[in-house]
Amino acid sequence: MAAAHGQTVQCAITRDALEEHFWSPIGASDARLLKAFADGRKRIAAAVERKMLRDKSASIVLHAADFSH
């Protein structure tokens, strides 16, 4: 869940995004994926906020392309 700009939404990030942009090895264990998420938390949160400004839907899914700017 993320809260910003007066709204709360459910969020997710794809495995591809963690592998391409957060140094998680392909086929990594759940524990390694969680570590990659924790290590990239600030960058992920910033991407969520940007997407919340553009998309007013009830949920957000971050893909690898969301980190390619």
PDB file of N, CA and C in Angstrom:
ATOM      1  N   MET A   1       0.847  -1.180   0.000  1.00  0.00           N
ATOM      2  CA  MET A   1       0.000   0.000   0.000  1.00  0.00           C
ATOM      3  C   MET A   1       0.892   1.243   0.000  1.00  0.00           C
ATOM      4  N   ALA A   2       0.423   2.242  -0.693  1.00  0.00           N
ATOM      5  CA  ALA A   2       1.135   3.521  -0.725  1.00  0.00           C
ATOM      6  C   ALA A   2       0.122   4.637  -0.536  1.00  0.00           C
ATOM      7  N   ALA A   3       0.544   5.662   0.171  1.00  0.00           N
ATOM      8  CA  ALA A   3      -0.310   6.832   0.375  1.00  0.00           C
ATOM      9  C   ALA A   3       0.464   8.067  -0.046  1.00  0.00           C
ATOM     10  N   ALA A   4      -0.148   8.846  -0.918  1.00  0.00           N
ATOM     11  CA  ALA A   4       0.466  10.096  -1.370  1.00  0.00           C
ATOM     12  C   ALA A   4      -0.614  10.955  -2.004  1.00  0.00           C
ATOM     13  N   HIS A   5      -0.468  12.250  -1.867  1.00  0.00           N
ATOM     14  CA  HIS A   5      -1.361  13.206  -2.510  1.00  0.00           C
ATOM     15  C   HIS A   5      -2.834  12.933  -2.183  1.00  0.00           C
ATOM     16  N   GLY A   6      -3.099  12.525  -0.943  1.00  0.00           N
ATOM     17  CA  GLY A   6      -4.455  12.329  -0.493  1.00  0.00           C
ATOM     18  C   GLY A   6      -5.121  11.049  -0.964  1.00  0.00           C
ATOM     19  N   GLN A   7      -4.374  10.144  -1.526  1.00  0.00           N
ATOM     20  CA  GLN A   7      -4.974   8.877  -1.939  1.00  0.00           C
ATOM     21  C   GLN A   7      -4.112   7.710  -1.473  1.00  0.00           C
ATOM     22  N   THR A   8      -4.742   6.567  -1.301  1.00  0.00           N
ATOM     23  CA  THR A   8      -4.056   5.339  -0.914  1.00  0.00           C
ATOM     24  C   THR A   8      -4.341   4.293  -1.979  1.00  0.00           C
ATOM     25  N   VAL A   9      -3.293   3.632  -2.453  1.00  0.00           N
ATOM     26  CA  VAL A   9      -3.463   2.617  -3.487  1.00  0.00           C
ATOM     27  C   VAL A   9      -2.644   1.376  -3.153  1.00  0.00           C
ATOM     28  N   GLN A  10      -3.097   0.256  -3.689  1.00  0.00           N
ATOM     29  CA  GLN A  10      -2.358  -0.997  -3.563  1.00  0.00           C
ATOM     30  C   GLN A  10      -1.294  -1.000  -4.657  1.00  0.00           C
ATOM     31  N   CYS A  11      -0.079  -1.442  -4.321  1.00  0.00           N
ATOM     32  CA  CYS A  11       1.038  -1.396  -5.265  1.00  0.00           C
ATOM     33  C   CYS A  11       1.735  -2.745  -5.371  1.00  0.00           C
ATOM     34  N   ALA A  12       2.348  -2.946  -6.521  1.00  0.00           N
ATOM     35  CA  ALA A  12       3.160  -4.141  -6.757  1.00  0.00           C
ATOM     36  C   ALA A  12       4.287  -3.758  -7.701  1.00  0.00           C
ATOM     37  N   ILE A  13       5.338  -4.570  -7.688  1.00  0.00           N
ATOM     38  CA  ILE A  13       6.453  -4.381  -8.606  1.00  0.00           C
ATOM     39  C   ILE A  13       6.737  -5.730  -9.250  1.00  0.00           C
ATOM     40  N   THR A  14       7.027  -5.722 -10.539  1.00  0.00           N
ATOM     41  CA  THR A  14       7.258  -6.976 -11.239  1.00  0.00           C
ATOM     42  C   THR A  14       8.650  -7.527 -10.950  1.00  0.00           C
ATOM     43  N   ARG A  15       8.757  -8.820 -11.094  1.00  0.00           N
ATOM     44  CA  ARG A  15      10.055  -9.490 -10.959  1.00  0.00           C
ATOM     45  C   ARG A  15      11.042  -8.911 -11.968  1.00  0.00           C
ATOM     46  N   ASP A  16      10.575  -8.671 -13.205  1.00  0.00           N
ATOM     47  CA  ASP A  16      11.450  -8.096 -14.233  1.00  0.00           C
ATOM     48  C   ASP A  16      12.061  -6.771 -13.784  1.00  0.00           C
ATOM     49  N   ALA A  17      11.252  -5.932 -13.158  1.00  0.00           N
ATOM     50  CA  ALA A  17      11.761  -4.636 -12.685  1.00  0.00           C
ATOM     51  C   ALA A  17      12.844  -4.837 -11.636  1.00  0.00           C
ATOM     52  N   LEU A  18      12.627  -5.768 -10.717  1.00  0.00           N
ATOM     53  CA  LEU A  18      13.640  -6.032  -9.687  1.00  0.00           C
ATOM     54  C   LEU A  18      14.912  -6.608 -10.311  1.00  0.00           C
ATOM     55  N   GLU A  19      14.756  -7.461 -11.313  1.00  0.00           N
ATOM     56  CA  GLU A  19      15.930  -8.060 -11.955  1.00  0.00           C
ATOM     57  C   GLU A  19      16.697  -7.048 -12.791  1.00  0.00           C
ATOM     58  N   GLU A  20      15.992  -6.193 -13.524  1.00  0.00           N
ATOM     59  CA  GLU A  20      16.662  -5.250 -14.428  1.00  0.00           C
ATOM     60  C   GLU A  20      17.220  -4.011 -13.727  1.00  0.00           C
ATOM     61  N   HIS A  21      16.553  -3.553 -12.679  1.00  0.00           N
ATOM     62  CA  HIS A  21      16.929  -2.257 -12.105  1.00  0.00           C
ATOM     63  C   HIS A  21      17.341  -2.291 -10.640  1.00  0.00           C
ATOM     64  N   PHE A  22      17.217  -3.445  -9.982  1.00  0.00           N
ATOM     65  CA  PHE A  22      17.542  -3.516  -8.556  1.00  0.00           C
ATOM     66  C   PHE A  22      18.457  -4.688  -8.230  1.00  0.00           C
ATOM     67  N   TRP A  23      19.209  -5.129  -9.205  1.00  0.00           N
ATOM     68  CA  TRP A  23      20.298  -6.100  -9.026  1.00  0.00           C
ATOM     69  C   TRP A  23      19.861  -7.423  -8.421  1.00  0.00           C
ATOM     70  N   SER A  24      18.651  -7.822  -8.723  1.00  0.00           N
ATOM     71  CA  SER A  24      18.192  -9.134  -8.285  1.00  0.00           C
ATOM     72  C   SER A  24      18.519 -10.128  -9.395  1.00  0.00           C
ATOM     73  N   PRO A  25      19.215 -11.214  -9.088  1.00  0.00           N
ATOM     74  CA  PRO A  25      19.556 -12.187 -10.129  1.00  0.00           C
ATOM     75  C   PRO A  25      18.302 -12.847 -10.714  1.00  0.00           C
ATOM     76  N   ILE A  26      18.363 -13.194 -11.977  1.00  0.00           N
ATOM     77  CA  ILE A  26      17.261 -13.898 -12.625  1.00  0.00           C
ATOM     78  C   ILE A  26      17.025 -15.211 -11.883  1.00  0.00           C
ATOM     79  N   GLY A  27      15.768 -15.473 -11.566  1.00  0.00           N
ATOM     80  CA  GLY A  27      15.413 -16.695 -10.852  1.00  0.00           C
ATOM     81  C   GLY A  27      15.735 -16.666  -9.370  1.00  0.00           C
ATOM     82  N   ALA A  28      15.942 -15.482  -8.823  1.00  0.00           N
ATOM     83  CA  ALA A  28      16.301 -15.344  -7.406  1.00  0.00           C
ATOM     84  C   ALA A  28      15.193 -15.865  -6.496  1.00  0.00           C
ATOM     85  N   SER A  29      15.582 -16.247  -5.303  1.00  0.00           N
ATOM     86  CA  SER A  29      14.628 -16.705  -4.295  1.00  0.00           C
ATOM     87  C   SER A  29      13.769 -15.532  -3.821  1.00  0.00           C
ATOM     88  N   ASP A  30      12.668 -15.875  -3.152  1.00  0.00           N
ATOM     89  CA  ASP A  30      11.801 -14.836  -2.587  1.00  0.00           C
ATOM     90  C   ASP A  30      12.570 -13.951  -1.612  1.00  0.00           C
ATOM     91  N   ALA A  31      13.447 -14.548  -0.833  1.00  0.00           N
ATOM     92  CA  ALA A  31      14.238 -13.778   0.139  1.00  0.00           C
ATOM     93  C   ALA A  31      15.118 -12.756  -0.582  1.00  0.00           C
ATOM     94  N   ARG A  32      15.723 -13.152  -1.686  1.00  0.00           N
ATOM     95  CA  ARG A  32      16.594 -12.239  -2.434  1.00  0.00           C
ATOM     96  C   ARG A  32      15.777 -11.134  -3.090  1.00  0.00           C
ATOM     97  N   LEU A  33      14.584 -11.481  -3.578  1.00  0.00           N
ATOM     98  CA  LEU A  33      13.707 -10.462  -4.160  1.00  0.00           C
ATOM     99  C   LEU A  33      13.291  -9.444  -3.109  1.00  0.00           C
ATOM    100  N   LEU A  34      12.977  -9.908  -1.905  1.00  0.00           N
ATOM    101  CA  LEU A  34      12.619  -8.991  -0.820  1.00  0.00           C
ATOM    102  C   LEU A  34      13.782  -8.085  -0.447  1.00  0.00           C
ATOM    103  N   LYS A  35      15.004  -8.616  -0.472  1.00  0.00           N
ATOM    104  CA  LYS A  35      16.182  -7.794  -0.184  1.00  0.00           C
ATOM    105  C   LYS A  35      16.365  -6.726  -1.263  1.00  0.00           C
ATOM    106  N   ALA A  36      16.193  -7.106  -2.531  1.00  0.00           N
ATOM    107  CA  ALA A  36      16.306  -6.137  -3.627  1.00  0.00           C
ATOM    108  C   ALA A  36      15.250  -5.041  -3.462  1.00  0.00           C
ATOM    109  N   PHE A  37      14.036  -5.437  -3.076  1.00  0.00           N
ATOM    110  CA  PHE A  37      12.978  -4.462  -2.845  1.00  0.00           C
ATOM    111  C   PHE A  37      13.353  -3.519  -1.705  1.00  0.00           C
ATOM    112  N   ALA A  38      13.810  -4.076  -0.604  1.00  0.00           N
ATOM    113  CA  ALA A  38      14.183  -3.262   0.560  1.00  0.00           C
ATOM    114  C   ALA A  38      15.320  -2.306   0.221  1.00  0.00           C
ATOM    115  N   ASP A  39      16.310  -2.792  -0.507  1.00  0.00           N
ATOM    116  CA  ASP A  39      17.445  -1.948  -0.890  1.00  0.00           C
ATOM    117  C   ASP A  39      17.024  -0.810  -1.815  1.00  0.00           C
ATOM    118  N   GLY A  40      16.023  -1.040  -2.649  1.00  0.00           N
ATOM    119  CA  GLY A  40      15.579  -0.023  -3.600  1.00  0.00           C
ATOM    120  C   GLY A  40      14.320   0.709  -3.184  1.00  0.00           C
ATOM    121  N   ARG A  41      13.936   0.571  -1.938  1.00  0.00           N
ATOM    122  CA  ARG A  41      12.665   1.101  -1.438  1.00  0.00           C
ATOM    123  C   ARG A  41      12.438   2.578  -1.762  1.00  0.00           C
ATOM    124  N   LYS A  42      13.428   3.425  -1.579  1.00  0.00           N
ATOM    125  CA  LYS A  42      13.239   4.862  -1.831  1.00  0.00           C
ATOM    126  C   LYS A  42      12.986   5.131  -3.312  1.00  0.00           C
ATOM    127  N   ARG A  43      13.737   4.468  -4.163  1.00  0.00           N
ATOM    128  CA  ARG A  43      13.564   4.647  -5.604  1.00  0.00           C
ATOM    129  C   ARG A  43      12.211   4.086  -6.057  1.00  0.00           C
ATOM    130  N   ILE A  44      11.815   2.969  -5.489  1.00  0.00           N
ATOM    131  CA  ILE A  44      10.520   2.369  -5.805  1.00  0.00           C
ATOM    132  C   ILE A  44       9.394   3.291  -5.345  1.00  0.00           C
ATOM    133  N   ALA A  45       9.503   3.832  -4.145  1.00  0.00           N
ATOM    134  CA  ALA A  45       8.482   4.755  -3.622  1.00  0.00           C
ATOM    135  C   ALA A  45       8.352   5.986  -4.512  1.00  0.00           C
ATOM    136  N   ALA A  46       9.466   6.501  -4.994  1.00  0.00           N
ATOM    137  CA  ALA A  46       9.429   7.665  -5.887  1.00  0.00           C
ATOM    138  C   ALA A  46       8.711   7.316  -7.190  1.00  0.00           C
ATOM    139  N   ALA A  47       8.949   6.134  -7.717  1.00  0.00           N
ATOM    140  CA  ALA A  47       8.275   5.701  -8.945  1.00  0.00           C
ATOM    141  C   ALA A  47       6.774   5.544  -8.705  1.00  0.00           C
ATOM    142  N   VAL A  48       6.401   5.035  -7.540  1.00  0.00           N
ATOM    143  CA  VAL A  48       4.980   4.901  -7.193  1.00  0.00           C
ATOM    144  C   VAL A  48       4.331   6.284  -7.157  1.00  0.00           C
ATOM    145  N   GLU A  49       4.973   7.231  -6.519  1.00  0.00           N
ATOM    146  CA  GLU A  49       4.403   8.580  -6.433  1.00  0.00           C
ATOM    147  C   GLU A  49       4.227   9.198  -7.814  1.00  0.00           C
ATOM    148  N   ARG A  50       5.236   9.035  -8.684  1.00  0.00           N
ATOM    149  CA  ARG A  50       5.120   9.573 -10.046  1.00  0.00           C
ATOM    150  C   ARG A  50       3.937   8.924 -10.773  1.00  0.00           C
ATOM    151  N   LYS A  51       3.806   7.610 -10.627  1.00  0.00           N
ATOM    152  CA  LYS A  51       2.731   6.907 -11.318  1.00  0.00           C
ATOM    153  C   LYS A  51       1.367   7.289 -10.736  1.00  0.00           C
ATOM    154  N   MET A  52       1.300   7.535  -9.433  1.00  0.00           N
ATOM    155  CA  MET A  52       0.047   7.966  -8.809  1.00  0.00           C
ATOM    156  C   MET A  52      -0.410   9.314  -9.363  1.00  0.00           C
ATOM    157  N   LEU A  53       0.526  10.182  -9.676  1.00  0.00           N
ATOM    158  CA  LEU A  53       0.173  11.486 -10.235  1.00  0.00           C
ATOM    159  C   LEU A  53      -0.406  11.348 -11.642  1.00  0.00           C
ATOM    160  N   ARG A  54       0.103  10.378 -12.406  1.00  0.00           N
ATOM    161  CA  ARG A  54      -0.351  10.172 -13.785  1.00  0.00           C
ATOM    162  C   ARG A  54      -1.591   9.305 -13.876  1.00  0.00           C
ATOM    163  N   ASP A  55      -1.736   8.353 -12.958  1.00  0.00           N
ATOM    164  CA  ASP A  55      -2.764   7.324 -13.060  1.00  0.00           C
ATOM    165  C   ASP A  55      -3.580   7.307 -11.775  1.00  0.00           C
ATOM    166  N   LYS A  56      -4.835   7.562 -11.861  1.00  0.00           N
ATOM    167  CA  LYS A  56      -5.702   7.635 -10.678  1.00  0.00           C
ATOM    168  C   LYS A  56      -6.409   6.306 -10.389  1.00  0.00           C
ATOM    169  N   SER A  57      -5.849   5.198 -10.839  1.00  0.00           N
ATOM    170  CA  SER A  57      -6.506   3.903 -10.624  1.00  0.00           C
ATOM    171  C   SER A  57      -6.344   3.438  -9.175  1.00  0.00           C
ATOM    172  N   ALA A  58      -7.050   2.374  -8.841  1.00  0.00           N
ATOM    173  CA  ALA A  58      -7.064   1.861  -7.473  1.00  0.00           C
ATOM    174  C   ALA A  58      -5.833   1.034  -7.138  1.00  0.00           C
ATOM    175  N   SER A  59      -5.049   0.665  -8.147  1.00  0.00           N
ATOM    176  CA  SER A  59      -3.827  -0.089  -7.886  1.00  0.00           C
ATOM    177  C   SER A  59      -2.757   0.297  -8.906  1.00  0.00           C
ATOM    178  N   ILE A  60      -1.518   0.090  -8.519  1.00  0.00           N
ATOM    179  CA  ILE A  60      -0.384   0.429  -9.368  1.00  0.00           C
ATOM    180  C   ILE A  60       0.545  -0.767  -9.433  1.00  0.00           C
ATOM    181  N   VAL A  61       0.977  -1.087 -10.642  1.00  0.00           N
ATOM    182  CA  VAL A  61       1.990  -2.122 -10.843  1.00  0.00           C
ATOM    183  C   VAL A  61       3.169  -1.454 -11.539  1.00  0.00           C
ATOM    184  N   LEU A  62       4.336  -1.559 -10.905  1.00  0.00           N
ATOM    185  CA  LEU A  62       5.558  -1.006 -11.505  1.00  0.00           C
ATOM    186  C   LEU A  62       6.219  -2.065 -12.372  1.00  0.00           C
ATOM    187  N   HIS A  63       6.570  -1.662 -13.577  1.00  0.00           N
ATOM    188  CA  HIS A  63       7.266  -2.523 -14.533  1.00  0.00           C
ATOM    189  C   HIS A  63       8.672  -1.978 -14.767  1.00  0.00           C
ATOM    190  N   ALA A  64       9.514  -2.749 -15.403  1.00  0.00           N
ATOM    191  CA  ALA A  64      10.887  -2.314 -15.685  1.00  0.00           C
ATOM    192  C   ALA A  64      10.903  -0.972 -16.408  1.00  0.00           C
ATOM    193  N   ALA A  65       9.978  -0.748 -17.320  1.00  0.00           N
ATOM    194  CA  ALA A  65       9.941   0.505 -18.088  1.00  0.00           C
ATOM    195  C   ALA A  65       9.711   1.724 -17.199  1.00  0.00           C
ATOM    196  N   ASP A  66       9.124   1.531 -16.028  1.00  0.00           N
ATOM    197  CA  ASP A  66       8.888   2.667 -15.121  1.00  0.00           C
ATOM    198  C   ASP A  66      10.178   3.206 -14.514  1.00  0.00           C
ATOM    199  N   PHE A  67      11.283   2.489 -14.693  1.00  0.00           N
ATOM    200  CA  PHE A  67      12.579   2.913 -14.138  1.00  0.00           C
ATOM    201  C   PHE A  67      13.575   3.249 -15.238  1.00  0.00           C
ATOM    202  N   SER A  68      13.107   3.354 -16.469  1.00  0.00           N
ATOM    203  CA  SER A  68      14.007   3.571 -17.613  1.00  0.00           C
ATOM    204  C   SER A  68      14.096   5.014 -18.069  1.00  0.00           C
ATOM    205  N   HIS A  69      13.884   5.985 -17.192  1.00  0.00           N
ATOM    206  CA  HIS A  69      13.962   7.388 -17.628  1.00  0.00           C
ATOM    207  C   HIS A  69      15.338   7.896 -17.464  1.00  0.00           C
TER     208      HIS A  69
END
